[in-house]
Amino acid sequence: MESFSDGVIAVAITLLVLGVTVPQPGGSLAHELGIRWPEYAAYVVSFMTIGIIWINHHAMISRLGEADHTVLILNLLLLMSIGILPFATELMARYLRESHGQTLAAAVYSGSLLVMSVFFGVLNRHIMLVKPSLLSEEVAPERRRQIFSRAVTGLLPYAIATALAPVSPYLTLGICAAVAVFYTRPVASGTESRS
């Protein structure tokens, strides 16, 4: 399961770069690169988000001693939500500075991250709270609740980012970036060392 998941995540993170385009020759290269900043911003936020999901997914799966059918199905749903992120990223990058469509593009982008966060939370809940017997070693109930709580921390900011898309697509992208920065901290995902 972990190898399959790693493969899907690797493909999704690789596909992100296809949304970053090289300017056509002619004119000022610096200017052409500068006006493509939404592509770079969306790429960085999505790359970091998928990378962090990979780290947290690895931590979550490494706690398992075995996987039941529900874990497999929930994992597939999580991977499906990760697989759509290259499309949502390109949509955000392409429409961020347009006069029409930027609100919907921002809502689709942050909504995609929200859906991914929901599936990650549901999978984590199943492992940590519903079926702790699947864990490879016993984890105290308070520690399991703490890990689950950290796993769903991104839900509220992603929901806010999606709701604020009509107000400002830039704010939506900024909130999504802030969530990615938050989850780069080991303590945010429960991957800190336990000494």
N, C-alpha and C. Protein backbone atom coordinates (compact mmCIF):
# COMPACT_ATOMS: atom_id res chain seq x y z
N MET A 1 0.82 -1.19 0.00
CA MET A 1 0.00 0.00 0.00
C MET A 1 0.86 1.26 0.00
N GLU A 2 1.93 1.23 0.80
CA GLU A 2 2.78 2.41 0.87
C GLU A 2 3.49 2.67 -0.45
N SER A 3 3.96 1.61 -1.10
CA SER A 3 4.65 1.78 -2.39
C SER A 3 3.71 2.33 -3.45
N PHE A 4 2.50 1.81 -3.50
CA PHE A 4 1.51 2.31 -4.45
C PHE A 4 1.20 3.78 -4.17
N SER A 5 1.01 4.11 -2.90
CA SER A 5 0.72 5.49 -2.52
C SER A 5 1.87 6.41 -2.88
N ASP A 6 3.10 5.97 -2.60
CA ASP A 6 4.28 6.77 -2.96
C ASP A 6 4.32 7.03 -4.46
N GLY A 7 3.96 6.01 -5.25
CA GLY A 7 3.97 6.18 -6.70
C GLY A 7 2.96 7.20 -7.18
N VAL A 8 1.75 7.14 -6.63
CA VAL A 8 0.70 8.11 -7.01
C VAL A 8 1.11 9.51 -6.60
N ILE A 9 1.63 9.65 -5.39
CA ILE A 9 2.05 10.97 -4.91
C ILE A 9 3.20 11.50 -5.74
N ALA A 10 4.14 10.62 -6.10
CA ALA A 10 5.29 11.05 -6.93
C ALA A 10 4.83 11.53 -8.30
N VAL A 11 3.87 10.85 -8.89
CA VAL A 11 3.34 11.28 -10.19
C VAL A 11 2.66 12.64 -10.06
N ALA A 12 1.84 12.80 -9.02
CA ALA A 12 1.12 14.07 -8.83
C ALA A 12 2.10 15.23 -8.64
N ILE A 13 3.12 15.02 -7.84
CA ILE A 13 4.07 16.10 -7.57
C ILE A 13 4.90 16.41 -8.81
N THR A 14 5.16 15.40 -9.64
CA THR A 14 5.90 15.60 -10.88
C THR A 14 5.06 16.35 -11.90
N LEU A 15 3.78 16.03 -11.97
CA LEU A 15 2.89 16.69 -12.93
C LEU A 15 2.75 18.19 -12.67
N LEU A 16 2.99 18.61 -11.44
CA LEU A 16 2.88 20.03 -11.13
C LEU A 16 3.76 20.90 -12.01
N VAL A 17 4.94 20.41 -12.32
CA VAL A 17 5.89 21.22 -13.08
C VAL A 17 5.41 21.46 -14.51
N LEU A 18 4.51 20.63 -15.00
CA LEU A 18 4.01 20.83 -16.36
C LEU A 18 3.20 22.12 -16.48
N GLY A 19 2.71 22.63 -15.36
CA GLY A 19 1.98 23.89 -15.37
C GLY A 19 2.87 25.11 -15.39
N VAL A 20 4.16 24.91 -15.21
CA VAL A 20 5.12 26.02 -15.25
C VAL A 20 5.66 26.10 -16.68
N THR A 21 5.35 27.19 -17.36
CA THR A 21 5.70 27.30 -18.78
C THR A 21 6.92 28.18 -19.01
N VAL A 22 7.60 27.89 -20.08
CA VAL A 22 8.77 28.68 -20.50
C VAL A 22 8.28 29.76 -21.46
N PRO A 23 8.67 31.02 -21.22
CA PRO A 23 8.23 32.09 -22.12
C PRO A 23 8.78 31.90 -23.54
N GLN A 24 7.99 32.36 -24.52
CA GLN A 24 8.44 32.34 -25.91
C GLN A 24 9.53 33.39 -26.11
N PRO A 25 10.52 33.11 -26.97
CA PRO A 25 11.55 34.12 -27.25
C PRO A 25 10.94 35.37 -27.88
N GLY A 26 11.60 36.49 -27.65
CA GLY A 26 11.10 37.78 -28.15
C GLY A 26 10.62 38.60 -26.98
N GLY A 27 11.00 39.82 -26.93
CA GLY A 27 10.62 40.66 -25.80
C GLY A 27 11.56 40.45 -24.63
N SER A 28 11.25 41.04 -23.53
CA SER A 28 12.08 40.98 -22.33
C SER A 28 11.82 39.69 -21.56
N LEU A 29 12.86 38.87 -21.42
CA LEU A 29 12.72 37.62 -20.68
C LEU A 29 12.38 37.90 -19.22
N ALA A 30 13.02 38.91 -18.63
CA ALA A 30 12.74 39.24 -17.23
C ALA A 30 11.27 39.60 -17.04
N HIS A 31 10.73 40.38 -17.96
CA HIS A 31 9.32 40.77 -17.87
C HIS A 31 8.43 39.53 -18.02
N GLU A 32 8.73 38.68 -18.99
CA GLU A 32 7.92 37.48 -19.21
C GLU A 32 7.96 36.54 -18.01
N LEU A 33 9.14 36.41 -17.40
CA LEU A 33 9.24 35.58 -16.20
C LEU A 33 8.46 36.21 -15.06
N GLY A 34 8.54 37.53 -14.94
CA GLY A 34 7.86 38.25 -13.87
C GLY A 34 6.35 38.12 -13.93
N ILE A 35 5.77 38.17 -15.13
CA ILE A 35 4.32 38.10 -15.22
C ILE A 35 3.79 36.68 -15.01
N ARG A 36 4.69 35.72 -14.96
CA ARG A 36 4.29 34.33 -14.71
C ARG A 36 4.36 33.97 -13.22
N TRP A 37 4.49 34.97 -12.34
CA TRP A 37 4.63 34.68 -10.92
C TRP A 37 3.49 33.83 -10.36
N PRO A 38 2.23 33.94 -10.86
CA PRO A 38 1.20 33.05 -10.31
C PRO A 38 1.51 31.57 -10.54
N GLU A 39 2.12 31.25 -11.67
CA GLU A 39 2.51 29.86 -11.93
C GLU A 39 3.49 29.38 -10.88
N TYR A 40 4.47 30.23 -10.58
CA TYR A 40 5.50 29.84 -9.62
C TYR A 40 4.93 29.74 -8.22
N ALA A 41 4.08 30.70 -7.85
CA ALA A 41 3.49 30.69 -6.50
C ALA A 41 2.61 29.46 -6.30
N ALA A 42 1.73 29.19 -7.26
CA ALA A 42 0.85 28.02 -7.14
C ALA A 42 1.67 26.72 -7.13
N TYR A 43 2.72 26.67 -7.95
CA TYR A 43 3.59 25.49 -7.99
C TYR A 43 4.24 25.25 -6.63
N VAL A 44 4.80 26.29 -6.04
CA VAL A 44 5.50 26.15 -4.76
C VAL A 44 4.52 25.70 -3.67
N VAL A 45 3.37 26.36 -3.59
CA VAL A 45 2.39 26.00 -2.56
C VAL A 45 1.93 24.55 -2.74
N SER A 46 1.62 24.17 -3.97
CA SER A 46 1.15 22.80 -4.21
C SER A 46 2.25 21.77 -4.01
N PHE A 47 3.47 22.08 -4.45
CA PHE A 47 4.58 21.15 -4.25
C PHE A 47 4.81 20.92 -2.76
N MET A 48 4.83 22.01 -1.99
CA MET A 48 5.04 21.88 -0.56
C MET A 48 3.88 21.10 0.09
N THR A 49 2.66 21.38 -0.34
CA THR A 49 1.50 20.71 0.23
C THR A 49 1.54 19.20 -0.06
N ILE A 50 1.79 18.85 -1.31
CA ILE A 50 1.85 17.42 -1.65
C ILE A 50 3.05 16.76 -0.94
N GLY A 51 4.17 17.46 -0.88
CA GLY A 51 5.33 16.92 -0.17
C GLY A 51 5.05 16.67 1.30
N ILE A 52 4.35 17.61 1.91
CA ILE A 52 4.01 17.46 3.33
C ILE A 52 3.00 16.35 3.53
N ILE A 53 2.05 16.25 2.62
CA ILE A 53 1.09 15.13 2.69
C ILE A 53 1.85 13.80 2.58
N TRP A 54 2.85 13.74 1.70
CA TRP A 54 3.65 12.52 1.57
C TRP A 54 4.34 12.19 2.90
N ILE A 55 4.94 13.21 3.53
CA ILE A 55 5.62 12.99 4.82
C ILE A 55 4.62 12.49 5.87
N ASN A 56 3.48 13.18 5.95
CA ASN A 56 2.48 12.81 6.96
C ASN A 56 1.83 11.46 6.65
N HIS A 57 1.64 11.18 5.36
CA HIS A 57 1.09 9.89 4.96
C HIS A 57 2.06 8.78 5.37
N HIS A 58 3.34 9.00 5.13
CA HIS A 58 4.36 8.03 5.51
C HIS A 58 4.32 7.77 7.03
N ALA A 59 4.23 8.86 7.81
CA ALA A 59 4.16 8.71 9.27
C ALA A 59 2.92 7.94 9.68
N MET A 60 1.79 8.24 9.04
CA MET A 60 0.53 7.59 9.37
C MET A 60 0.57 6.10 9.03
N ILE A 61 1.05 5.78 7.83
CA ILE A 61 1.08 4.38 7.38
C ILE A 61 2.13 3.58 8.15
N SER A 62 3.23 4.22 8.54
CA SER A 62 4.28 3.48 9.26
C SER A 62 3.81 3.07 10.66
N ARG A 63 2.76 3.70 11.16
CA ARG A 63 2.21 3.31 12.46
C ARG A 63 1.35 2.03 12.37
N LEU A 64 0.95 1.68 11.15
CA LEU A 64 0.07 0.53 10.95
C LEU A 64 0.82 -0.79 11.06
N GLY A 65 0.18 -1.75 11.71
CA GLY A 65 0.68 -3.12 11.71
C GLY A 65 0.03 -3.90 10.58
N GLU A 66 -1.21 -3.51 10.28
CA GLU A 66 -1.96 -4.11 9.17
C GLU A 66 -3.00 -3.11 8.70
N ALA A 67 -3.50 -3.33 7.49
CA ALA A 67 -4.52 -2.45 6.91
C ALA A 67 -5.78 -3.25 6.65
N ASP A 68 -6.91 -2.71 7.09
CA ASP A 68 -8.17 -3.36 6.77
C ASP A 68 -8.74 -2.78 5.47
N HIS A 69 -9.87 -3.30 5.06
CA HIS A 69 -10.49 -2.86 3.80
C HIS A 69 -10.81 -1.36 3.84
N THR A 70 -11.27 -0.88 4.97
CA THR A 70 -11.61 0.55 5.10
C THR A 70 -10.38 1.42 4.91
N VAL A 71 -9.26 1.02 5.48
CA VAL A 71 -8.01 1.78 5.29
C VAL A 71 -7.66 1.84 3.81
N LEU A 72 -7.80 0.72 3.11
CA LEU A 72 -7.46 0.69 1.69
C LEU A 72 -8.37 1.62 0.88
N ILE A 73 -9.66 1.59 1.15
CA ILE A 73 -10.61 2.45 0.42
C ILE A 73 -10.37 3.92 0.74
N LEU A 74 -10.21 4.24 2.03
CA LEU A 74 -9.95 5.63 2.42
C LEU A 74 -8.63 6.13 1.84
N ASN A 75 -7.65 5.26 1.77
CA ASN A 75 -6.36 5.63 1.18
C ASN A 75 -6.53 5.93 -0.31
N LEU A 76 -7.33 5.13 -1.00
CA LEU A 76 -7.60 5.39 -2.42
C LEU A 76 -8.28 6.75 -2.62
N LEU A 77 -9.23 7.06 -1.75
CA LEU A 77 -9.91 8.37 -1.85
C LEU A 77 -8.92 9.51 -1.61
N LEU A 78 -8.03 9.33 -0.64
CA LEU A 78 -7.00 10.34 -0.39
C LEU A 78 -6.12 10.51 -1.61
N LEU A 79 -5.68 9.40 -2.20
CA LEU A 79 -4.82 9.47 -3.38
C LEU A 79 -5.55 10.11 -4.56
N MET A 80 -6.84 9.83 -4.71
CA MET A 80 -7.62 10.46 -5.77
C MET A 80 -7.63 11.98 -5.59
N SER A 81 -7.78 12.43 -4.35
CA SER A 81 -7.79 13.87 -4.10
C SER A 81 -6.42 14.51 -4.34
N ILE A 82 -5.37 13.76 -4.08
CA ILE A 82 -4.02 14.26 -4.37
C ILE A 82 -3.80 14.32 -5.88
N GLY A 83 -4.31 13.33 -6.59
CA GLY A 83 -4.13 13.26 -8.04
C GLY A 83 -4.75 14.42 -8.80
N ILE A 84 -5.75 15.08 -8.25
CA ILE A 84 -6.40 16.20 -8.93
C ILE A 84 -5.67 17.52 -8.67
N LEU A 85 -4.74 17.55 -7.75
CA LEU A 85 -4.06 18.81 -7.41
C LEU A 85 -3.27 19.44 -8.56
N PRO A 86 -2.62 18.67 -9.44
CA PRO A 86 -1.96 19.34 -10.57
C PRO A 86 -2.95 20.14 -11.44
N PHE A 87 -4.14 19.59 -11.67
CA PHE A 87 -5.16 20.31 -12.43
C PHE A 87 -5.59 21.57 -11.69
N ALA A 88 -5.89 21.45 -10.40
CA ALA A 88 -6.33 22.60 -9.61
C ALA A 88 -5.24 23.66 -9.53
N THR A 89 -3.99 23.23 -9.46
CA THR A 89 -2.87 24.17 -9.40
C THR A 89 -2.74 24.95 -10.70
N GLU A 90 -2.82 24.26 -11.83
CA GLU A 90 -2.73 24.94 -13.12
C GLU A 90 -3.91 25.89 -13.32
N LEU A 91 -5.08 25.48 -12.88
CA LEU A 91 -6.26 26.34 -12.98
C LEU A 91 -6.05 27.63 -12.17
N MET A 92 -5.56 27.48 -10.96
CA MET A 92 -5.29 28.65 -10.11
C MET A 92 -4.24 29.55 -10.74
N ALA A 93 -3.16 28.95 -11.21
CA ALA A 93 -2.07 29.73 -11.81
C ALA A 93 -2.53 30.49 -13.06
N ARG A 94 -3.34 29.86 -13.86
CA ARG A 94 -3.77 30.46 -15.11
C ARG A 94 -4.79 31.57 -14.91
N TYR A 95 -5.66 31.44 -13.92
CA TYR A 95 -6.76 32.38 -13.76
C TYR A 95 -6.56 33.41 -12.65
N LEU A 96 -5.50 33.28 -11.85
CA LEU A 96 -5.32 34.15 -10.70
C LEU A 96 -5.36 35.64 -11.06
N ARG A 97 -4.77 36.01 -12.19
CA ARG A 97 -4.70 37.42 -12.56
C ARG A 97 -5.71 37.81 -13.64
N GLU A 98 -6.60 36.91 -13.99
CA GLU A 98 -7.61 37.21 -15.01
C GLU A 98 -8.77 37.98 -14.38
N SER A 99 -9.49 38.72 -15.21
CA SER A 99 -10.63 39.49 -14.70
C SER A 99 -11.88 38.63 -14.55
N HIS A 100 -11.93 37.50 -15.20
CA HIS A 100 -13.07 36.59 -15.09
C HIS A 100 -12.56 35.19 -14.78
N GLY A 101 -13.22 34.53 -13.86
CA GLY A 101 -12.89 33.14 -13.55
C GLY A 101 -11.94 32.95 -12.39
N GLN A 102 -11.29 34.02 -11.93
CA GLN A 102 -10.29 33.85 -10.89
C GLN A 102 -10.91 33.40 -9.56
N THR A 103 -12.14 33.85 -9.28
CA THR A 103 -12.81 33.46 -8.04
C THR A 103 -13.10 31.96 -8.03
N LEU A 104 -13.66 31.47 -9.12
CA LEU A 104 -13.95 30.05 -9.21
C LEU A 104 -12.67 29.22 -9.19
N ALA A 105 -11.65 29.68 -9.90
CA ALA A 105 -10.38 28.96 -9.91
C ALA A 105 -9.80 28.86 -8.51
N ALA A 106 -9.86 29.95 -7.76
CA ALA A 106 -9.34 29.94 -6.38
C ALA A 106 -10.17 29.02 -5.50
N ALA A 107 -11.49 29.02 -5.71
CA ALA A 107 -12.36 28.13 -4.92
C ALA A 107 -12.10 26.67 -5.25
N VAL A 108 -11.89 26.36 -6.52
CA VAL A 108 -11.57 24.98 -6.93
C VAL A 108 -10.23 24.56 -6.31
N TYR A 109 -9.26 25.46 -6.35
CA TYR A 109 -7.93 25.16 -5.81
C TYR A 109 -8.00 24.86 -4.31
N SER A 110 -8.53 25.82 -3.54
CA SER A 110 -8.58 25.61 -2.09
C SER A 110 -9.58 24.51 -1.73
N GLY A 111 -10.65 24.40 -2.51
CA GLY A 111 -11.60 23.31 -2.29
C GLY A 111 -10.96 21.95 -2.49
N SER A 112 -10.07 21.84 -3.47
CA SER A 112 -9.35 20.58 -3.70
C SER A 112 -8.46 20.24 -2.51
N LEU A 113 -7.81 21.26 -1.97
CA LEU A 113 -6.97 21.05 -0.78
C LEU A 113 -7.84 20.70 0.43
N LEU A 114 -9.02 21.30 0.52
CA LEU A 114 -9.94 20.98 1.60
C LEU A 114 -10.40 19.52 1.51
N VAL A 115 -10.75 19.07 0.31
CA VAL A 115 -11.19 17.68 0.13
C VAL A 115 -10.06 16.72 0.50
N MET A 116 -8.83 17.04 0.06
CA MET A 116 -7.68 16.21 0.41
C MET A 116 -7.52 16.16 1.93
N SER A 117 -7.66 17.30 2.58
CA SER A 117 -7.53 17.36 4.03
C SER A 117 -8.62 16.54 4.73
N VAL A 118 -9.83 16.59 4.19
CA VAL A 118 -10.93 15.79 4.76
C VAL A 118 -10.61 14.30 4.67
N PHE A 119 -10.18 13.85 3.48
CA PHE A 119 -9.86 12.42 3.33
C PHE A 119 -8.70 12.01 4.22
N PHE A 120 -7.69 12.88 4.35
CA PHE A 120 -6.57 12.57 5.22
C PHE A 120 -7.05 12.45 6.67
N GLY A 121 -7.93 13.38 7.08
CA GLY A 121 -8.46 13.33 8.44
C GLY A 121 -9.30 12.10 8.70
N VAL A 122 -10.14 11.74 7.73
CA VAL A 122 -11.00 10.56 7.89
C VAL A 122 -10.14 9.29 7.99
N LEU A 123 -9.13 9.20 7.15
CA LEU A 123 -8.23 8.03 7.20
C LEU A 123 -7.49 7.99 8.54
N ASN A 124 -6.99 9.13 8.97
CA ASN A 124 -6.28 9.19 10.24
C ASN A 124 -7.21 8.85 11.41
N ARG A 125 -8.45 9.34 11.33
CA ARG A 125 -9.42 9.03 12.38
C ARG A 125 -9.68 7.53 12.46
N HIS A 126 -9.83 6.91 11.30
CA HIS A 126 -10.07 5.46 11.29
C HIS A 126 -8.92 4.72 11.95
N ILE A 127 -7.70 5.11 11.62
CA ILE A 127 -6.52 4.42 12.16
C ILE A 127 -6.32 4.72 13.64
N MET A 128 -6.40 6.00 14.01
CA MET A 128 -6.04 6.40 15.38
C MET A 128 -7.17 6.24 16.39
N LEU A 129 -8.43 6.41 15.96
CA LEU A 129 -9.52 6.43 16.92
C LEU A 129 -10.50 5.27 16.77
N VAL A 130 -10.81 4.89 15.54
CA VAL A 130 -11.81 3.84 15.32
C VAL A 130 -11.20 2.45 15.45
N LYS A 131 -10.04 2.24 14.82
CA LYS A 131 -9.42 0.90 14.81
C LYS A 131 -7.96 0.96 15.28
N PRO A 132 -7.71 1.40 16.51
CA PRO A 132 -6.33 1.45 16.98
C PRO A 132 -5.68 0.07 17.05
N SER A 133 -6.49 -0.99 16.97
CA SER A 133 -5.93 -2.34 16.97
C SER A 133 -5.10 -2.61 15.72
N LEU A 134 -5.26 -1.78 14.69
CA LEU A 134 -4.47 -1.92 13.47
C LEU A 134 -3.04 -1.40 13.63
N LEU A 135 -2.80 -0.63 14.69
CA LEU A 135 -1.47 -0.05 14.90
C LEU A 135 -0.45 -1.13 15.21
N SER A 136 0.78 -0.92 14.78
CA SER A 136 1.84 -1.91 15.00
C SER A 136 2.26 -1.98 16.46
N GLU A 137 2.13 -0.87 17.18
CA GLU A 137 2.39 -0.87 18.62
C GLU A 137 1.35 -0.01 19.31
N GLU A 138 1.14 -0.29 20.56
CA GLU A 138 0.11 0.43 21.29
C GLU A 138 0.50 1.89 21.48
N VAL A 139 -0.47 2.75 21.24
CA VAL A 139 -0.29 4.19 21.43
C VAL A 139 -1.36 4.63 22.41
N ALA A 140 -0.93 5.40 23.42
CA ALA A 140 -1.86 5.85 24.45
C ALA A 140 -3.01 6.64 23.82
N PRO A 141 -4.22 6.51 24.35
CA PRO A 141 -5.38 7.21 23.77
C PRO A 141 -5.18 8.72 23.64
N GLU A 142 -4.58 9.36 24.64
CA GLU A 142 -4.36 10.81 24.55
C GLU A 142 -3.40 11.16 23.43
N ARG A 143 -2.39 10.32 23.20
CA ARG A 143 -1.45 10.55 22.10
C ARG A 143 -2.15 10.34 20.76
N ARG A 144 -3.01 9.35 20.65
CA ARG A 144 -3.76 9.11 19.42
C ARG A 144 -4.67 10.28 19.11
N ARG A 145 -5.34 10.81 20.14
CA ARG A 145 -6.21 11.98 19.93
C ARG A 145 -5.39 13.20 19.52
N GLN A 146 -4.21 13.35 20.08
CA GLN A 146 -3.33 14.47 19.73
C GLN A 146 -2.89 14.37 18.28
N ILE A 147 -2.49 13.19 17.83
CA ILE A 147 -2.07 12.99 16.45
C ILE A 147 -3.23 13.29 15.50
N PHE A 148 -4.43 12.79 15.84
CA PHE A 148 -5.59 13.05 15.00
C PHE A 148 -5.91 14.54 14.96
N SER A 149 -5.86 15.19 16.09
CA SER A 149 -6.15 16.63 16.16
C SER A 149 -5.20 17.43 15.27
N ARG A 150 -3.94 17.08 15.30
CA ARG A 150 -2.96 17.77 14.45
C ARG A 150 -3.23 17.49 12.97
N ALA A 151 -3.70 16.28 12.68
CA ALA A 151 -3.95 15.90 11.28
C ALA A 151 -5.09 16.69 10.67
N VAL A 152 -6.05 17.13 11.47
CA VAL A 152 -7.21 17.85 10.93
C VAL A 152 -7.12 19.36 11.12
N THR A 153 -5.98 19.84 11.57
CA THR A 153 -5.80 21.27 11.80
C THR A 153 -6.01 22.07 10.52
N GLY A 154 -5.65 21.52 9.37
CA GLY A 154 -5.77 22.24 8.11
C GLY A 154 -7.19 22.40 7.59
N LEU A 155 -8.12 21.64 8.14
CA LEU A 155 -9.51 21.70 7.65
C LEU A 155 -10.09 23.10 7.73
N LEU A 156 -10.00 23.73 8.86
CA LEU A 156 -10.61 25.05 9.04
C LEU A 156 -9.97 26.11 8.14
N PRO A 157 -8.62 26.21 8.10
CA PRO A 157 -8.04 27.20 7.20
C PRO A 157 -8.39 26.96 5.72
N TYR A 158 -8.44 25.71 5.29
CA TYR A 158 -8.82 25.43 3.89
C TYR A 158 -10.28 25.81 3.64
N ALA A 159 -11.15 25.56 4.62
CA ALA A 159 -12.55 25.96 4.48
C ALA A 159 -12.67 27.48 4.41
N ILE A 160 -11.91 28.17 5.24
CA ILE A 160 -11.91 29.64 5.22
C ILE A 160 -11.37 30.14 3.88
N ALA A 161 -10.29 29.54 3.41
CA ALA A 161 -9.70 29.94 2.13
C ALA A 161 -10.70 29.76 0.99
N THR A 162 -11.45 28.68 1.03
CA THR A 162 -12.45 28.43 -0.01
C THR A 162 -13.58 29.46 0.09
N ALA A 163 -14.03 29.74 1.30
CA ALA A 163 -15.10 30.72 1.49
C ALA A 163 -14.67 32.13 1.09
N LEU A 164 -13.38 32.43 1.24
CA LEU A 164 -12.87 33.77 0.92
C LEU A 164 -12.47 33.94 -0.54
N ALA A 165 -12.58 32.89 -1.34
CA ALA A 165 -12.21 32.99 -2.76
C ALA A 165 -12.95 34.13 -3.47
N PRO A 166 -14.24 34.35 -3.22
CA PRO A 166 -14.91 35.48 -3.88
C PRO A 166 -14.40 36.84 -3.42
N VAL A 167 -13.84 36.90 -2.21
CA VAL A 167 -13.31 38.15 -1.69
C VAL A 167 -11.96 38.47 -2.31
N SER A 168 -11.06 37.47 -2.30
CA SER A 168 -9.73 37.67 -2.85
C SER A 168 -9.05 36.34 -3.16
N PRO A 169 -8.84 36.02 -4.44
CA PRO A 169 -8.10 34.81 -4.78
C PRO A 169 -6.67 34.83 -4.21
N TYR A 170 -6.10 36.04 -4.08
CA TYR A 170 -4.75 36.16 -3.53
C TYR A 170 -4.74 35.75 -2.06
N LEU A 171 -5.77 36.16 -1.33
CA LEU A 171 -5.89 35.77 0.07
C LEU A 171 -6.06 34.26 0.19
N THR A 172 -6.84 33.68 -0.71
CA THR A 172 -7.03 32.23 -0.73
C THR A 172 -5.68 31.52 -0.91
N LEU A 173 -4.90 31.97 -1.88
CA LEU A 173 -3.57 31.38 -2.11
C LEU A 173 -2.68 31.58 -0.89
N GLY A 174 -2.76 32.76 -0.27
CA GLY A 174 -1.94 33.04 0.91
C GLY A 174 -2.28 32.13 2.08
N ILE A 175 -3.57 31.89 2.30
CA ILE A 175 -3.98 31.00 3.39
C ILE A 175 -3.49 29.58 3.12
N CYS A 176 -3.63 29.12 1.87
CA CYS A 176 -3.14 27.78 1.52
C CYS A 176 -1.64 27.67 1.72
N ALA A 177 -0.92 28.75 1.41
CA ALA A 177 0.53 28.77 1.64
C ALA A 177 0.84 28.71 3.13
N ALA A 178 0.07 29.43 3.94
CA ALA A 178 0.28 29.43 5.39
C ALA A 178 0.06 28.05 5.98
N VAL A 179 -0.94 27.32 5.48
CA VAL A 179 -1.17 25.95 5.95
C VAL A 179 0.04 25.07 5.61
N ALA A 180 0.57 25.23 4.41
CA ALA A 180 1.75 24.45 4.02
C ALA A 180 2.93 24.75 4.94
N VAL A 181 3.14 26.03 5.24
CA VAL A 181 4.24 26.42 6.14
C VAL A 181 4.01 25.82 7.53
N PHE A 182 2.76 25.89 8.01
CA PHE A 182 2.44 25.32 9.32
C PHE A 182 2.82 23.84 9.39
N TYR A 183 2.44 23.09 8.37
CA TYR A 183 2.68 21.65 8.38
C TYR A 183 4.13 21.26 8.09
N THR A 184 5.00 22.22 7.76
CA THR A 184 6.42 21.88 7.61
C THR A 184 7.07 21.62 8.96
N ARG A 185 6.42 22.06 10.02
CA ARG A 185 6.94 21.85 11.36
C ARG A 185 6.62 20.42 11.81
N PRO A 186 7.61 19.65 12.26
CA PRO A 186 7.35 18.26 12.67
C PRO A 186 6.28 18.15 13.74
N VAL A 187 6.21 19.11 14.66
CA VAL A 187 5.23 19.04 15.73
C VAL A 187 3.80 19.17 15.19
N ALA A 188 3.64 19.79 14.04
CA ALA A 188 2.29 19.97 13.47
C ALA A 188 1.74 18.66 12.94
N SER A 189 2.59 17.75 12.54
CA SER A 189 2.11 16.51 11.95
C SER A 189 2.30 15.29 12.84
N GLY A 190 2.94 15.49 13.98
CA GLY A 190 3.16 14.34 14.86
C GLY A 190 4.34 13.50 14.42
N THR A 191 5.22 14.07 13.56
CA THR A 191 6.38 13.31 13.11
C THR A 191 7.63 13.68 13.91
N GLU A 192 7.46 14.49 14.98
CA GLU A 192 8.61 14.85 15.80
C GLU A 192 9.13 13.61 16.52
N SER A 193 10.40 13.65 16.90
CA SER A 193 10.96 12.49 17.59
C SER A 193 10.30 12.35 18.95
N ARG A 194 10.16 11.12 19.40
CA ARG A 194 9.53 10.85 20.67
C ARG A 194 10.57 10.35 21.66
N SER A 195 11.30 11.28 22.24
CA SER A 195 12.33 10.85 23.19
C SER A 195 11.90 11.10 24.61
